[in-house]
Amino acid sequence: MYFNFICVVLIIFSLMFYLYNKTRQLRTPAALEIRHKYYKAKANIWLGAFILTFGVNQIILFSGFVTYAIAGIFIVLGALVIYDNYKRSKHYAPFLQEEQQLYEAAQQDAASH
């Protein structure tokens, strides 16, 4: 019973963080392409967490072969989405500061002309 409550809380938190990062992605200026991809990867990590916890929650709530098969697909898919986007976010993270500096330099140069 408590495990179901924990899964529901995790589902809600993962959706909240997904929407938060997706909003950050959409509000990022088009010139900051790497930051845009970074926030997209972060949002997809939380989407994968949602899919994974949804699959775990279905196993807790229902029993039966079909439920286990579909929930297993959700769990594997969620884990793969988390893994892939974690690698992507780690790839983009080192370039964020450099991109920000170039963006600010371009903004100052545009303002001076």
PDB file of N, CA and C in Angstrom:
ATOM      1  N   MET A   1       0.824  -1.197   0.000  1.00  0.00           N
ATOM      2  CA  MET A   1       0.000   0.000   0.000  1.00  0.00           C
ATOM      3  C   MET A   1       0.869   1.262   0.000  1.00  0.00           C
ATOM      4  N   TYR A   2       1.886   1.276   0.859  1.00  0.00           N
ATOM      5  CA  TYR A   2       2.751   2.444   0.916  1.00  0.00           C
ATOM      6  C   TYR A   2       3.605   2.565  -0.331  1.00  0.00           C
ATOM      7  N   PHE A   3       3.968   1.424  -0.912  1.00  0.00           N
ATOM      8  CA  PHE A   3       4.783   1.452  -2.119  1.00  0.00           C
ATOM      9  C   PHE A   3       4.008   2.072  -3.273  1.00  0.00           C
ATOM     10  N   ASN A   4       2.701   1.820  -3.331  1.00  0.00           N
ATOM     11  CA  ASN A   4       1.849   2.422  -4.353  1.00  0.00           C
ATOM     12  C   ASN A   4       1.817   3.937  -4.177  1.00  0.00           C
ATOM     13  N   PHE A   5       1.702   4.400  -2.928  1.00  0.00           N
ATOM     14  CA  PHE A   5       1.698   5.831  -2.650  1.00  0.00           C
ATOM     15  C   PHE A   5       3.022   6.469  -3.073  1.00  0.00           C
ATOM     16  N   ILE A   6       4.128   5.783  -2.791  1.00  0.00           N
ATOM     17  CA  ILE A   6       5.446   6.284  -3.182  1.00  0.00           C
ATOM     18  C   ILE A   6       5.551   6.370  -4.708  1.00  0.00           C
ATOM     19  N   CYS A   7       5.037   5.369  -5.405  1.00  0.00           N
ATOM     20  CA  CYS A   7       5.065   5.394  -6.876  1.00  0.00           C
ATOM     21  C   CYS A   7       4.242   6.559  -7.424  1.00  0.00           C
ATOM     22  N   VAL A   8       3.084   6.802  -6.843  1.00  0.00           N
ATOM     23  CA  VAL A   8       2.244   7.910  -7.302  1.00  0.00           C
ATOM     24  C   VAL A   8       2.956   9.248  -7.074  1.00  0.00           C
ATOM     25  N   VAL A   9       3.604   9.396  -5.923  1.00  0.00           N
ATOM     26  CA  VAL A   9       4.356  10.624  -5.646  1.00  0.00           C
ATOM     27  C   VAL A   9       5.497  10.782  -6.646  1.00  0.00           C
ATOM     28  N   LEU A  10       6.203   9.705  -6.941  1.00  0.00           N
ATOM     29  CA  LEU A  10       7.297   9.760  -7.917  1.00  0.00           C
ATOM     30  C   LEU A  10       6.779  10.091  -9.318  1.00  0.00           C
ATOM     31  N   ILE A  11       5.610   9.562  -9.662  1.00  0.00           N
ATOM     32  CA  ILE A  11       5.010   9.874 -10.960  1.00  0.00           C
ATOM     33  C   ILE A  11       4.696  11.368 -11.046  1.00  0.00           C
ATOM     34  N   ILE A  12       4.120  11.914  -9.991  1.00  0.00           N
ATOM     35  CA  ILE A  12       3.774  13.338  -9.980  1.00  0.00           C
ATOM     36  C   ILE A  12       5.029  14.198 -10.049  1.00  0.00           C
ATOM     37  N   PHE A  13       6.048  13.857  -9.247  1.00  0.00           N
ATOM     38  CA  PHE A  13       7.297  14.619  -9.278  1.00  0.00           C
ATOM     39  C   PHE A  13       7.977  14.545 -10.638  1.00  0.00           C
ATOM     40  N   SER A  14       7.979  13.373 -11.245  1.00  0.00           N
ATOM     41  CA  SER A  14       8.627  13.250 -12.550  1.00  0.00           C
ATOM     42  C   SER A  14       7.891  14.079 -13.595  1.00  0.00           C
ATOM     43  N   LEU A  15       6.574  14.131 -13.545  1.00  0.00           N
ATOM     44  CA  LEU A  15       5.833  14.973 -14.482  1.00  0.00           C
ATOM     45  C   LEU A  15       6.099  16.456 -14.229  1.00  0.00           C
ATOM     46  N   MET A  16       6.182  16.842 -12.948  1.00  0.00           N
ATOM     47  CA  MET A  16       6.477  18.239 -12.626  1.00  0.00           C
ATOM     48  C   MET A  16       7.852  18.645 -13.153  1.00  0.00           C
ATOM     49  N   PHE A  17       8.862  17.814 -12.912  1.00  0.00           N
ATOM     50  CA  PHE A  17      10.206  18.138 -13.380  1.00  0.00           C
ATOM     51  C   PHE A  17      10.306  18.065 -14.906  1.00  0.00           C
ATOM     52  N   TYR A  18       9.529  17.175 -15.523  1.00  0.00           N
ATOM     53  CA  TYR A  18       9.489  17.137 -16.984  1.00  0.00           C
ATOM     54  C   TYR A  18       8.960  18.457 -17.525  1.00  0.00           C
ATOM     55  N   LEU A  19       7.834  18.917 -16.975  1.00  0.00           N
ATOM     56  CA  LEU A  19       7.255  20.173 -17.441  1.00  0.00           C
ATOM     57  C   LEU A  19       8.175  21.362 -17.152  1.00  0.00           C
ATOM     58  N   TYR A  20       8.856  21.337 -16.012  1.00  0.00           N
ATOM     59  CA  TYR A  20       9.787  22.407 -15.673  1.00  0.00           C
ATOM     60  C   TYR A  20      10.919  22.492 -16.698  1.00  0.00           C
ATOM     61  N   ASN A  21      11.539  21.356 -16.994  1.00  0.00           N
ATOM     62  CA  ASN A  21      12.645  21.356 -17.951  1.00  0.00           C
ATOM     63  C   ASN A  21      12.173  21.606 -19.378  1.00  0.00           C
ATOM     64  N   LYS A  22      10.992  21.133 -19.710  1.00  0.00           N
ATOM     65  CA  LYS A  22      10.451  21.390 -21.042  1.00  0.00           C
ATOM     66  C   LYS A  22      10.173  22.884 -21.217  1.00  0.00           C
ATOM     67  N   THR A  23       9.679  23.527 -20.165  1.00  0.00           N
ATOM     68  CA  THR A  23       9.447  24.965 -20.215  1.00  0.00           C
ATOM     69  C   THR A  23      10.765  25.708 -20.374  1.00  0.00           C
ATOM     70  N   ARG A  24      11.794  25.281 -19.652  1.00  0.00           N
ATOM     71  CA  ARG A  24      13.114  25.910 -19.788  1.00  0.00           C
ATOM     72  C   ARG A  24      13.646  25.725 -21.210  1.00  0.00           C
ATOM     73  N   GLN A  25      13.397  24.567 -21.789  1.00  0.00           N
ATOM     74  CA  GLN A  25      13.835  24.310 -23.158  1.00  0.00           C
ATOM     75  C   GLN A  25      13.130  25.264 -24.125  1.00  0.00           C
ATOM     76  N   LEU A  26      11.826  25.415 -23.971  1.00  0.00           N
ATOM     77  CA  LEU A  26      11.065  26.247 -24.894  1.00  0.00           C
ATOM     78  C   LEU A  26      11.362  27.731 -24.715  1.00  0.00           C
ATOM     79  N   ARG A  27      11.757  28.143 -23.512  1.00  0.00           N
ATOM     80  CA  ARG A  27      12.053  29.552 -23.255  1.00  0.00           C
ATOM     81  C   ARG A  27      13.511  29.923 -23.547  1.00  0.00           C
ATOM     82  N   THR A  28      14.319  28.950 -23.910  1.00  0.00           N
ATOM     83  CA  THR A  28      15.719  29.218 -24.247  1.00  0.00           C
ATOM     84  C   THR A  28      15.783  29.905 -25.610  1.00  0.00           C
ATOM     85  N   PRO A  29      16.560  30.982 -25.716  1.00  0.00           N
ATOM     86  CA  PRO A  29      16.679  31.651 -27.023  1.00  0.00           C
ATOM     87  C   PRO A  29      17.221  30.696 -28.089  1.00  0.00           C
ATOM     88  N   ALA A  30      16.809  30.916 -29.310  1.00  0.00           N
ATOM     89  CA  ALA A  30      17.204  30.034 -30.416  1.00  0.00           C
ATOM     90  C   ALA A  30      18.710  30.028 -30.639  1.00  0.00           C
ATOM     91  N   ALA A  31      19.384  31.107 -30.271  1.00  0.00           N
ATOM     92  CA  ALA A  31      20.833  31.181 -30.473  1.00  0.00           C
ATOM     93  C   ALA A  31      21.590  30.238 -29.543  1.00  0.00           C
ATOM     94  N   LEU A  32      20.979  29.846 -28.432  1.00  0.00           N
ATOM     95  CA  LEU A  32      21.629  28.936 -27.479  1.00  0.00           C
ATOM     96  C   LEU A  32      21.211  27.498 -27.785  1.00  0.00           C
ATOM     97  N   GLU A  33      21.718  26.980 -28.877  1.00  0.00           N
ATOM     98  CA  GLU A  33      21.306  25.661 -29.362  1.00  0.00           C
ATOM     99  C   GLU A  33      21.736  24.530 -28.426  1.00  0.00           C
ATOM    100  N   ILE A  34      22.933  24.617 -27.867  1.00  0.00           N
ATOM    101  CA  ILE A  34      23.415  23.559 -26.978  1.00  0.00           C
ATOM    102  C   ILE A  34      22.602  23.529 -25.695  1.00  0.00           C
ATOM    103  N   ARG A  35      22.289  24.712 -25.156  1.00  0.00           N
ATOM    104  CA  ARG A  35      21.463  24.783 -23.944  1.00  0.00           C
ATOM    105  C   ARG A  35      20.075  24.213 -24.220  1.00  0.00           C
ATOM    106  N   HIS A  36      19.562  24.487 -25.405  1.00  0.00           N
ATOM    107  CA  HIS A  36      18.263  23.956 -25.818  1.00  0.00           C
ATOM    108  C   HIS A  36      18.286  22.418 -25.811  1.00  0.00           C
ATOM    109  N   LYS A  37      19.347  21.846 -26.383  1.00  0.00           N
ATOM    110  CA  LYS A  37      19.469  20.383 -26.412  1.00  0.00           C
ATOM    111  C   LYS A  37      19.687  19.814 -25.015  1.00  0.00           C
ATOM    112  N   TYR A  38      20.409  20.544 -24.170  1.00  0.00           N
ATOM    113  CA  TYR A  38      20.653  20.111 -22.793  1.00  0.00           C
ATOM    114  C   TYR A  38      19.335  20.022 -22.015  1.00  0.00           C
ATOM    115  N   TYR A  39      18.514  21.061 -22.116  1.00  0.00           N
ATOM    116  CA  TYR A  39      17.230  21.036 -21.413  1.00  0.00           C
ATOM    117  C   TYR A  39      16.284  19.987 -21.990  1.00  0.00           C
ATOM    118  N   LYS A  40      16.394  19.741 -23.281  1.00  0.00           N
ATOM    119  CA  LYS A  40      15.588  18.684 -23.890  1.00  0.00           C
ATOM    120  C   LYS A  40      15.974  17.325 -23.313  1.00  0.00           C
ATOM    121  N   ALA A  41      17.280  17.084 -23.169  1.00  0.00           N
ATOM    122  CA  ALA A  41      17.753  15.827 -22.588  1.00  0.00           C
ATOM    123  C   ALA A  41      17.319  15.700 -21.137  1.00  0.00           C
ATOM    124  N   LYS A  42      17.415  16.802 -20.369  1.00  0.00           N
ATOM    125  CA  LYS A  42      16.981  16.770 -18.970  1.00  0.00           C
ATOM    126  C   LYS A  42      15.484  16.481 -18.863  1.00  0.00           C
ATOM    127  N   ALA A  43      14.693  17.107 -19.740  1.00  0.00           N
ATOM    128  CA  ALA A  43      13.248  16.859 -19.737  1.00  0.00           C
ATOM    129  C   ALA A  43      12.953  15.403 -20.072  1.00  0.00           C
ATOM    130  N   ASN A  44      13.680  14.849 -21.020  1.00  0.00           N
ATOM    131  CA  ASN A  44      13.442  13.463 -21.410  1.00  0.00           C
ATOM    132  C   ASN A  44      13.884  12.468 -20.337  1.00  0.00           C
ATOM    133  N   ILE A  45      14.860  12.851 -19.517  1.00  0.00           N
ATOM    134  CA  ILE A  45      15.215  11.995 -18.376  1.00  0.00           C
ATOM    135  C   ILE A  45      14.015  11.851 -17.454  1.00  0.00           C
ATOM    136  N   TRP A  46      13.357  12.965 -17.173  1.00  0.00           N
ATOM    137  CA  TRP A  46      12.185  12.921 -16.296  1.00  0.00           C
ATOM    138  C   TRP A  46      11.005  12.227 -16.963  1.00  0.00           C
ATOM    139  N   LEU A  47      10.891  12.336 -18.280  1.00  0.00           N
ATOM    140  CA  LEU A  47       9.852  11.596 -18.998  1.00  0.00           C
ATOM    141  C   LEU A  47      10.109  10.092 -18.888  1.00  0.00           C
ATOM    142  N   GLY A  48      11.368   9.691 -19.000  1.00  0.00           N
ATOM    143  CA  GLY A  48      11.726   8.286 -18.819  1.00  0.00           C
ATOM    144  C   GLY A  48      11.437   7.811 -17.405  1.00  0.00           C
ATOM    145  N   ALA A  49      11.692   8.681 -16.415  1.00  0.00           N
ATOM    146  CA  ALA A  49      11.369   8.324 -15.025  1.00  0.00           C
ATOM    147  C   ALA A  49       9.867   8.139 -14.852  1.00  0.00           C
ATOM    148  N   PHE A  50       9.082   8.973 -15.520  1.00  0.00           N
ATOM    149  CA  PHE A  50       7.627   8.815 -15.478  1.00  0.00           C
ATOM    150  C   PHE A  50       7.204   7.475 -16.069  1.00  0.00           C
ATOM    151  N   ILE A  51       7.746   7.146 -17.228  1.00  0.00           N
ATOM    152  CA  ILE A  51       7.383   5.879 -17.884  1.00  0.00           C
ATOM    153  C   ILE A  51       7.776   4.694 -17.006  1.00  0.00           C
ATOM    154  N   LEU A  52       8.973   4.740 -16.432  1.00  0.00           N
ATOM    155  CA  LEU A  52       9.456   3.653 -15.589  1.00  0.00           C
ATOM    156  C   LEU A  52       8.586   3.491 -14.338  1.00  0.00           C
ATOM    157  N   THR A  53       8.321   4.581 -13.629  1.00  0.00           N
ATOM    158  CA  THR A  53       7.516   4.469 -12.401  1.00  0.00           C
ATOM    159  C   THR A  53       6.070   4.111 -12.713  1.00  0.00           C
ATOM    160  N   PHE A  54       5.569   4.523 -13.870  1.00  0.00           N
ATOM    161  CA  PHE A  54       4.222   4.119 -14.268  1.00  0.00           C
ATOM    162  C   PHE A  54       4.164   2.608 -14.467  1.00  0.00           C
ATOM    163  N   GLY A  55       5.193   2.046 -15.082  1.00  0.00           N
ATOM    164  CA  GLY A  55       5.247   0.598 -15.261  1.00  0.00           C
ATOM    165  C   GLY A  55       5.322  -0.143 -13.938  1.00  0.00           C
ATOM    166  N   VAL A  56       6.136   0.370 -13.014  1.00  0.00           N
ATOM    167  CA  VAL A  56       6.228  -0.254 -11.683  1.00  0.00           C
ATOM    168  C   VAL A  56       4.886  -0.165 -10.964  1.00  0.00           C
ATOM    169  N   ASN A  57       4.233   0.976 -11.082  1.00  0.00           N
ATOM    170  CA  ASN A  57       2.940   1.162 -10.426  1.00  0.00           C
ATOM    171  C   ASN A  57       1.892   0.204 -10.982  1.00  0.00           C
ATOM    172  N   GLN A  58       1.919  -0.060 -12.268  1.00  0.00           N
ATOM    173  CA  GLN A  58       0.960  -0.997 -12.861  1.00  0.00           C
ATOM    174  C   GLN A  58       1.173  -2.409 -12.342  1.00  0.00           C
ATOM    175  N   ILE A  59       2.427  -2.793 -12.131  1.00  0.00           N
ATOM    176  CA  ILE A  59       2.700  -4.119 -11.564  1.00  0.00           C
ATOM    177  C   ILE A  59       2.150  -4.213 -10.151  1.00  0.00           C
ATOM    178  N   ILE A  60       2.250  -3.134  -9.383  1.00  0.00           N
ATOM    179  CA  ILE A  60       1.743  -3.133  -8.011  1.00  0.00           C
ATOM    180  C   ILE A  60       0.221  -3.231  -7.987  1.00  0.00           C
ATOM    181  N   LEU A  61      -0.433  -2.497  -8.876  1.00  0.00           N
ATOM    182  CA  LEU A  61      -1.894  -2.414  -8.838  1.00  0.00           C
ATOM    183  C   LEU A  61      -2.595  -3.640  -9.419  1.00  0.00           C
ATOM    184  N   PHE A  62      -2.070  -4.187 -10.503  1.00  0.00           N
ATOM    185  CA  PHE A  62      -2.777  -5.248 -11.220  1.00  0.00           C
ATOM    186  C   PHE A  62      -1.883  -6.482 -11.343  1.00  0.00           C
ATOM    187  N   SER A  63      -2.511  -7.620 -11.448  1.00  0.00           N
ATOM    188  CA  SER A  63      -1.770  -8.854 -11.663  1.00  0.00           C
ATOM    189  C   SER A  63      -2.295  -9.528 -12.926  1.00  0.00           C
ATOM    190  N   GLY A  64      -1.445 -10.283 -13.534  1.00  0.00           N
ATOM    191  CA  GLY A  64      -1.802 -10.971 -14.764  1.00  0.00           C
ATOM    192  C   GLY A  64      -0.662 -10.891 -15.757  1.00  0.00           C
ATOM    193  N   PHE A  65      -0.615 -11.858 -16.645  1.00  0.00           N
ATOM    194  CA  PHE A  65       0.483 -11.947 -17.594  1.00  0.00           C
ATOM    195  C   PHE A  65       0.549 -10.729 -18.511  1.00  0.00           C
ATOM    196  N   VAL A  66      -0.606 -10.302 -19.015  1.00  0.00           N
ATOM    197  CA  VAL A  66      -0.629  -9.165 -19.938  1.00  0.00           C
ATOM    198  C   VAL A  66      -0.129  -7.899 -19.234  1.00  0.00           C
ATOM    199  N   THR A  67      -0.562  -7.687 -17.995  1.00  0.00           N
ATOM    200  CA  THR A  67      -0.111  -6.530 -17.231  1.00  0.00           C
ATOM    201  C   THR A  67       1.392  -6.572 -17.024  1.00  0.00           C
ATOM    202  N   TYR A  68       1.912  -7.740 -16.660  1.00  0.00           N
ATOM    203  CA  TYR A  68       3.345  -7.869 -16.434  1.00  0.00           C
ATOM    204  C   TYR A  68       4.134  -7.624 -17.715  1.00  0.00           C
ATOM    205  N   ALA A  69       3.626  -8.108 -18.842  1.00  0.00           N
ATOM    206  CA  ALA A  69       4.321  -7.928 -20.110  1.00  0.00           C
ATOM    207  C   ALA A  69       4.350  -6.454 -20.513  1.00  0.00           C
ATOM    208  N   ILE A  70       3.203  -5.793 -20.422  1.00  0.00           N
ATOM    209  CA  ILE A  70       3.139  -4.381 -20.812  1.00  0.00           C
ATOM    210  C   ILE A  70       3.923  -3.518 -19.829  1.00  0.00           C
ATOM    211  N   ALA A  71       3.793  -3.793 -18.540  1.00  0.00           N
ATOM    212  CA  ALA A  71       4.545  -3.033 -17.536  1.00  0.00           C
ATOM    213  C   ALA A  71       6.046  -3.258 -17.717  1.00  0.00           C
ATOM    214  N   GLY A  72       6.444  -4.457 -18.070  1.00  0.00           N
ATOM    215  CA  GLY A  72       7.857  -4.730 -18.337  1.00  0.00           C
ATOM    216  C   GLY A  72       8.374  -3.915 -19.501  1.00  0.00           C
ATOM    217  N   ILE A  73       7.546  -3.777 -20.536  1.00  0.00           N
ATOM    218  CA  ILE A  73       7.922  -2.936 -21.679  1.00  0.00           C
ATOM    219  C   ILE A  73       8.095  -1.491 -21.233  1.00  0.00           C
ATOM    220  N   PHE A  74       7.161  -1.010 -20.408  1.00  0.00           N
ATOM    221  CA  PHE A  74       7.267   0.362 -19.890  1.00  0.00           C
ATOM    222  C   PHE A  74       8.536   0.552 -19.064  1.00  0.00           C
ATOM    223  N   ILE A  75       8.840  -0.418 -18.226  1.00  0.00           N
ATOM    224  CA  ILE A  75      10.029  -0.308 -17.366  1.00  0.00           C
ATOM    225  C   ILE A  75      11.305  -0.297 -18.204  1.00  0.00           C
ATOM    226  N   VAL A  76      11.405  -1.187 -19.161  1.00  0.00           N
ATOM    227  CA  VAL A  76      12.595  -1.242 -20.018  1.00  0.00           C
ATOM    228  C   VAL A  76      12.692   0.025 -20.869  1.00  0.00           C
ATOM    229  N   LEU A  77      11.585   0.463 -21.449  1.00  0.00           N
ATOM    230  CA  LEU A  77      11.587   1.669 -22.265  1.00  0.00           C
ATOM    231  C   LEU A  77      11.980   2.889 -21.433  1.00  0.00           C
ATOM    232  N   GLY A  78      11.412   3.004 -20.232  1.00  0.00           N
ATOM    233  CA  GLY A  78      11.761   4.124 -19.354  1.00  0.00           C
ATOM    234  C   GLY A  78      13.227   4.119 -18.982  1.00  0.00           C
ATOM    235  N   ALA A  79      13.765   2.942 -18.671  1.00  0.00           N
ATOM    236  CA  ALA A  79      15.180   2.844 -18.314  1.00  0.00           C
ATOM    237  C   ALA A  79      16.072   3.222 -19.497  1.00  0.00           C
ATOM    238  N   LEU A  80      15.704   2.813 -20.705  1.00  0.00           N
ATOM    239  CA  LEU A  80      16.493   3.163 -21.890  1.00  0.00           C
ATOM    240  C   LEU A  80      16.443   4.657 -22.180  1.00  0.00           C
ATOM    241  N   VAL A  81      15.274   5.262 -22.002  1.00  0.00           N
ATOM    242  CA  VAL A  81      15.137   6.705 -22.217  1.00  0.00           C
ATOM    243  C   VAL A  81      15.986   7.466 -21.205  1.00  0.00           C
ATOM    244  N   ILE A  82      15.945   7.034 -19.951  1.00  0.00           N
ATOM    245  CA  ILE A  82      16.762   7.682 -18.919  1.00  0.00           C
ATOM    246  C   ILE A  82      18.243   7.551 -19.257  1.00  0.00           C
ATOM    247  N   TYR A  83      18.675   6.360 -19.599  1.00  0.00           N
ATOM    248  CA  TYR A  83      20.090   6.111 -19.892  1.00  0.00           C
ATOM    249  C   TYR A  83      20.566   6.941 -21.086  1.00  0.00           C
ATOM    250  N   ASP A  84      19.815   6.917 -22.168  1.00  0.00           N
ATOM    251  CA  ASP A  84      20.213   7.630 -23.377  1.00  0.00           C
ATOM    252  C   ASP A  84      20.289   9.136 -23.135  1.00  0.00           C
ATOM    253  N   ASN A  85      19.306   9.696 -22.477  1.00  0.00           N
ATOM    254  CA  ASN A  85      19.286  11.134 -22.266  1.00  0.00           C
ATOM    255  C   ASN A  85      20.247  11.574 -21.171  1.00  0.00           C
ATOM    256  N   TYR A  86      20.572  10.682 -20.246  1.00  0.00           N
ATOM    257  CA  TYR A  86      21.615  10.996 -19.268  1.00  0.00           C
ATOM    258  C   TYR A  86      22.954  11.168 -19.979  1.00  0.00           C
ATOM    259  N   LYS A  87      23.234  10.267 -20.924  1.00  0.00           N
ATOM    260  CA  LYS A  87      24.464  10.384 -21.712  1.00  0.00           C
ATOM    261  C   LYS A  87      24.466  11.676 -22.523  1.00  0.00           C
ATOM    262  N   ARG A  88      23.327  12.030 -23.090  1.00  0.00           N
ATOM    263  CA  ARG A  88      23.236  13.262 -23.876  1.00  0.00           C
ATOM    264  C   ARG A  88      23.470  14.490 -23.002  1.00  0.00           C
ATOM    265  N   SER A  89      22.869  14.515 -21.824  1.00  0.00           N
ATOM    266  CA  SER A  89      23.035  15.692 -20.956  1.00  0.00           C
ATOM    267  C   SER A  89      24.476  15.815 -20.489  1.00  0.00           C
ATOM    268  N   LYS A  90      25.138  14.701 -20.227  1.00  0.00           N
ATOM    269  CA  LYS A  90      26.549  14.750 -19.843  1.00  0.00           C
ATOM    270  C   LYS A  90      27.425  15.207 -21.007  1.00  0.00           C
ATOM    271  N   HIS A  91      27.002  14.904 -22.224  1.00  0.00           N
ATOM    272  CA  HIS A  91      27.758  15.350 -23.401  1.00  0.00           C
ATOM    273  C   HIS A  91      27.652  16.867 -23.572  1.00  0.00           C
ATOM    274  N   TYR A  92      26.450  17.429 -23.391  1.00  0.00           N
ATOM    275  CA  TYR A  92      26.236  18.856 -23.619  1.00  0.00           C
ATOM    276  C   TYR A  92      26.696  19.730 -22.468  1.00  0.00           C
ATOM    277  N   ALA A  93      26.746  19.206 -21.253  1.00  0.00           N
ATOM    278  CA  ALA A  93      27.042  20.011 -20.065  1.00  0.00           C
ATOM    279  C   ALA A  93      28.359  20.787 -20.150  1.00  0.00           C
ATOM    280  N   PRO A  94      29.466  20.219 -20.627  1.00  0.00           N
ATOM    281  CA  PRO A  94      30.724  20.984 -20.657  1.00  0.00           C
ATOM    282  C   PRO A  94      30.692  22.195 -21.597  1.00  0.00           C
ATOM    283  N   PHE A  95      29.793  22.198 -22.569  1.00  0.00           N
ATOM    284  CA  PHE A  95      29.762  23.267 -23.559  1.00  0.00           C
ATOM    285  C   PHE A  95      28.840  24.426 -23.173  1.00  0.00           C
ATOM    286  N   LEU A  96      28.091  24.285 -22.075  1.00  0.00           N
ATOM    287  CA  LEU A  96      27.113  25.306 -21.713  1.00  0.00           C
ATOM    288  C   LEU A  96      27.769  26.640 -21.369  1.00  0.00           C
ATOM    289  N   GLN A  97      28.817  26.610 -20.583  1.00  0.00           N
ATOM    290  CA  GLN A  97      29.461  27.847 -20.169  1.00  0.00           C
ATOM    291  C   GLN A  97      30.099  28.563 -21.366  1.00  0.00           C
ATOM    292  N   GLU A  98      30.758  27.823 -22.226  1.00  0.00           N
ATOM    293  CA  GLU A  98      31.374  28.425 -23.410  1.00  0.00           C
ATOM    294  C   GLU A  98      30.311  29.044 -24.321  1.00  0.00           C
ATOM    295  N   GLU A  99      29.199  28.338 -24.500  1.00  0.00           N
ATOM    296  CA  GLU A  99      28.135  28.874 -25.341  1.00  0.00           C
ATOM    297  C   GLU A  99      27.555  30.155 -24.731  1.00  0.00           C
ATOM    298  N   GLN A 100      27.389  30.166 -23.410  1.00  0.00           N
ATOM    299  CA  GLN A 100      26.863  31.354 -22.742  1.00  0.00           C
ATOM    300  C   GLN A 100      27.798  32.544 -22.918  1.00  0.00           C
ATOM    301  N   GLN A 101      29.097  32.317 -22.801  1.00  0.00           N
ATOM    302  CA  GLN A 101      30.070  33.399 -22.985  1.00  0.00           C
ATOM    303  C   GLN A 101      30.032  33.937 -24.419  1.00  0.00           C
ATOM    304  N   LEU A 102      29.938  33.049 -25.391  1.00  0.00           N
ATOM    305  CA  LEU A 102      29.857  33.487 -26.783  1.00  0.00           C
ATOM    306  C   LEU A 102      28.567  34.258 -27.046  1.00  0.00           C
ATOM    307  N   TYR A 103      27.482  33.798 -26.439  1.00  0.00           N
ATOM    308  CA  TYR A 103      26.186  34.469 -26.600  1.00  0.00           C
ATOM    309  C   TYR A 103      26.227  35.873 -25.996  1.00  0.00           C
ATOM    310  N   GLU A 104      26.804  35.999 -24.792  1.00  0.00           N
ATOM    311  CA  GLU A 104      26.889  37.305 -24.150  1.00  0.00           C
ATOM    312  C   GLU A 104      27.814  38.239 -24.943  1.00  0.00           C
ATOM    313  N   ALA A 105      28.896  37.718 -25.486  1.00  0.00           N
ATOM    314  CA  ALA A 105      29.795  38.532 -26.301  1.00  0.00           C
ATOM    315  C   ALA A 105      29.079  39.018 -27.565  1.00  0.00           C
ATOM    316  N   ALA A 106      28.286  38.166 -28.160  1.00  0.00           N
ATOM    317  CA  ALA A 106      27.533  38.549 -29.358  1.00  0.00           C
ATOM    318  C   ALA A 106      26.476  39.595 -29.014  1.00  0.00           C
ATOM    319  N   GLN A 107      25.845  39.469 -27.853  1.00  0.00           N
ATOM    320  CA  GLN A 107      24.850  40.438 -27.411  1.00  0.00           C
ATOM    321  C   GLN A 107      25.493  41.795 -27.168  1.00  0.00           C
ATOM    322  N   GLN A 108      26.672  41.811 -26.539  1.00  0.00           N
ATOM    323  CA  GLN A 108      27.373  43.073 -26.284  1.00  0.00           C
ATOM    324  C   GLN A 108      27.844  43.705 -27.590  1.00  0.00           C
ATOM    325  N   ASP A 109      28.301  42.876 -28.512  1.00  0.00           N
ATOM    326  CA  ASP A 109      28.761  43.387 -29.795  1.00  0.00           C
ATOM    327  C   ASP A 109      27.594  43.981 -30.574  1.00  0.00           C
ATOM    328  N   ALA A 110      26.448  43.322 -30.522  1.00  0.00           N
ATOM    329  CA  ALA A 110      25.268  43.835 -31.214  1.00  0.00           C
ATOM    330  C   ALA A 110      24.755  45.124 -30.580  1.00  0.00           C
ATOM    331  N   ALA A 111      24.890  45.224 -29.265  1.00  0.00           N
ATOM    332  CA  ALA A 111      24.424  46.422 -28.564  1.00  0.00           C
ATOM    333  C   ALA A 111      25.344  47.615 -28.827  1.00  0.00           C
ATOM    334  N   SER A 112      26.628  47.353 -29.057  1.00  0.00           N
ATOM    335  CA  SER A 112      27.567  48.452 -29.282  1.00  0.00           C
ATOM    336  C   SER A 112      27.461  49.035 -30.686  1.00  0.00           C
ATOM    337  N   HIS A 113      26.860  48.309 -31.603  1.00  0.00           N
ATOM    338  CA  HIS A 113      26.732  48.819 -32.998  1.00  0.00           C
ATOM    339  C   HIS A 113      25.430  49.472 -33.220  1.00  0.00           C
TER     340      HIS A 113
END
